[in-house]
Amino acid sequence: MVKKLVIKVTAGADAPERCSQAFTVAAVAVASGVEVSLWLTGESAWFALPGRAAAFELPHAAPLPDLIESIQSAGRITLCTQCAARRDIAEKDVLEGVRIAGAQVFVSEAMADDAQALVY
């Protein structure tokens, strides 16, 4: 049985270390063969937009665009519906491959028998 990892990122540039940790853990999990679903919520919602991750900097951390590319290679990135709406972000605005979905989908993923959920 393949274990699934559901990660909710609540931090963005406002808490760079916490934000970077979430993306790093997700990328490492994908590279390890774990099925990953990364959720962008709160201030991390901005990283669903093209170019936004490139502006993120944290010393001694992998570049966020590289981590996003790694995650998307075999995982899924989802932008929270309400977080997108509060920021006037529409599906046409987000990076290719990023979906917009709500709490019902998050709960369904996080509560699956084979899933582990983490919140950063």
Protein backbone atom coordinates (compact mmCIF):
# COMPACT_ATOMS: atom_id res chain seq x y z
CA MET A 1 0.00 0.00 0.00
CA VAL A 2 1.31 3.44 -0.96
CA LYS A 3 1.13 5.95 1.87
CA LYS A 4 -0.20 9.39 0.93
CA LEU A 5 1.04 12.63 2.44
CA VAL A 6 -1.29 15.63 2.57
CA ILE A 7 0.50 18.87 3.46
CA LYS A 8 -1.27 22.15 4.17
CA VAL A 9 0.93 25.25 3.94
CA THR A 10 -0.53 28.20 5.84
CA ALA A 11 2.57 30.41 5.70
CA GLY A 12 4.15 32.39 2.91
CA ALA A 13 6.68 35.19 2.88
CA ASP A 14 5.27 36.19 6.29
CA ALA A 15 6.88 33.07 7.87
CA PRO A 16 9.57 32.02 5.39
CA GLU A 17 11.12 29.18 7.37
CA ARG A 18 7.80 27.45 7.99
CA CYS A 19 6.84 27.97 4.35
CA SER A 20 10.12 26.58 3.03
CA GLN A 21 9.91 23.57 5.36
CA ALA A 22 6.53 22.59 3.95
CA PHE A 23 7.67 22.79 0.33
CA THR A 24 10.94 21.00 1.16
CA VAL A 25 9.18 18.13 2.95
CA ALA A 26 6.73 17.81 0.04
CA ALA A 27 9.53 17.71 -2.54
CA VAL A 28 11.55 15.17 -0.55
CA ALA A 29 8.46 13.00 -0.13
CA VAL A 30 7.77 13.09 -3.88
CA ALA A 31 11.40 12.18 -4.58
CA SER A 32 11.01 9.26 -2.15
CA GLY A 33 8.03 7.89 -4.04
CA VAL A 34 5.34 9.11 -1.65
CA GLU A 35 2.07 10.31 -3.15
CA VAL A 36 1.90 14.00 -2.17
CA SER A 37 -0.94 16.50 -2.13
CA LEU A 38 0.27 19.99 -1.20
CA TRP A 39 -2.39 22.56 -0.25
CA LEU A 40 -1.70 26.29 -0.50
CA THR A 41 -3.69 28.27 2.05
CA GLY A 42 -3.38 31.68 3.66
CA GLU A 43 -0.33 33.62 2.51
CA SER A 44 1.09 30.63 0.63
CA ALA A 45 -1.81 31.06 -1.82
CA TRP A 46 0.28 33.65 -3.67
CA PHE A 47 2.72 30.91 -4.75
CA ALA A 48 0.04 29.49 -7.02
CA LEU A 49 0.65 32.48 -9.31
CA PRO A 50 3.36 32.47 -11.99
CA GLY A 51 6.51 34.30 -10.90
CA ARG A 52 5.61 34.65 -7.23
CA ALA A 53 7.82 31.79 -6.02
CA ALA A 54 10.85 33.32 -7.75
CA ALA A 55 10.62 36.35 -5.45
CA PHE A 56 10.79 34.14 -2.33
CA GLU A 57 14.23 33.98 -0.74
CA LEU A 58 15.49 32.15 2.33
CA PRO A 59 19.20 31.62 3.02
CA HIS A 60 20.34 27.98 2.90
CA ALA A 61 17.02 26.84 1.42
CA ALA A 62 16.29 25.35 -1.98
CA PRO A 63 14.72 27.82 -4.43
CA LEU A 64 10.95 27.67 -4.19
CA PRO A 65 10.43 27.40 -7.98
CA ASP A 66 12.62 24.28 -7.99
CA LEU A 67 10.65 22.75 -5.12
CA ILE A 68 7.35 23.48 -6.87
CA GLU A 69 8.63 21.87 -10.06
CA SER A 70 9.73 18.80 -8.09
CA ILE A 71 6.37 18.52 -6.36
CA GLN A 72 4.45 18.88 -9.61
CA SER A 73 6.54 16.17 -11.27
CA ALA A 74 4.66 13.45 -9.39
CA GLY A 75 2.45 15.21 -6.84
CA ARG A 76 -0.48 17.57 -6.80
CA ILE A 77 -0.69 21.20 -5.73
CA THR A 78 -4.05 22.62 -4.73
CA LEU A 79 -5.02 26.21 -3.95
CA CYS A 80 -7.73 26.65 -1.33
CA THR A 81 -10.97 27.95 -2.87
CA GLN A 82 -11.65 30.56 -0.17
CA CYS A 83 -8.01 31.70 -0.07
CA ALA A 84 -8.08 32.19 -3.83
CA ALA A 85 -11.36 34.12 -3.67
CA ARG A 86 -10.07 36.43 -0.91
CA ARG A 87 -7.10 37.28 -3.14
CA ASP A 88 -9.10 37.55 -6.38
CA ILE A 89 -7.19 34.59 -7.85
CA ALA A 90 -9.06 32.66 -10.54
CA GLU A 91 -8.25 29.34 -12.21
CA LYS A 92 -7.00 31.21 -15.28
CA ASP A 93 -4.40 32.95 -13.10
CA VAL A 94 -2.63 29.98 -11.52
CA LEU A 95 0.38 27.93 -12.57
CA GLU A 96 -0.34 25.13 -14.98
CA GLY A 97 -1.32 22.01 -13.06
CA VAL A 98 -2.50 23.81 -9.91
CA ARG A 99 -6.12 23.07 -9.08
CA ILE A 100 -8.47 25.11 -6.92
CA ALA A 101 -10.54 23.09 -4.45
CA GLY A 102 -12.23 23.52 -1.09
CA ALA A 103 -12.34 22.13 2.40
CA GLN A 104 -14.46 19.12 1.44
CA VAL A 105 -11.70 17.84 -0.86
CA PHE A 106 -9.00 18.57 1.75
CA VAL A 107 -10.90 16.68 4.45
CA SER A 108 -11.50 13.77 2.09
CA GLU A 109 -7.79 13.53 1.27
CA ALA A 110 -6.62 13.99 4.85
CA MET A 111 -9.03 11.41 6.27
CA ALA A 112 -8.23 8.63 3.81
CA ASP A 113 -7.11 5.45 5.54
CA ASP A 114 -3.70 5.50 3.89
CA ALA A 115 -3.02 9.23 4.43
CA GLN A 116 -0.89 11.25 6.82
CA ALA A 117 -1.62 14.98 7.12
CA LEU A 118 0.82 17.71 8.12
CA VAL A 119 0.12 21.40 8.60
CA TYR A 120 2.82 24.07 8.39
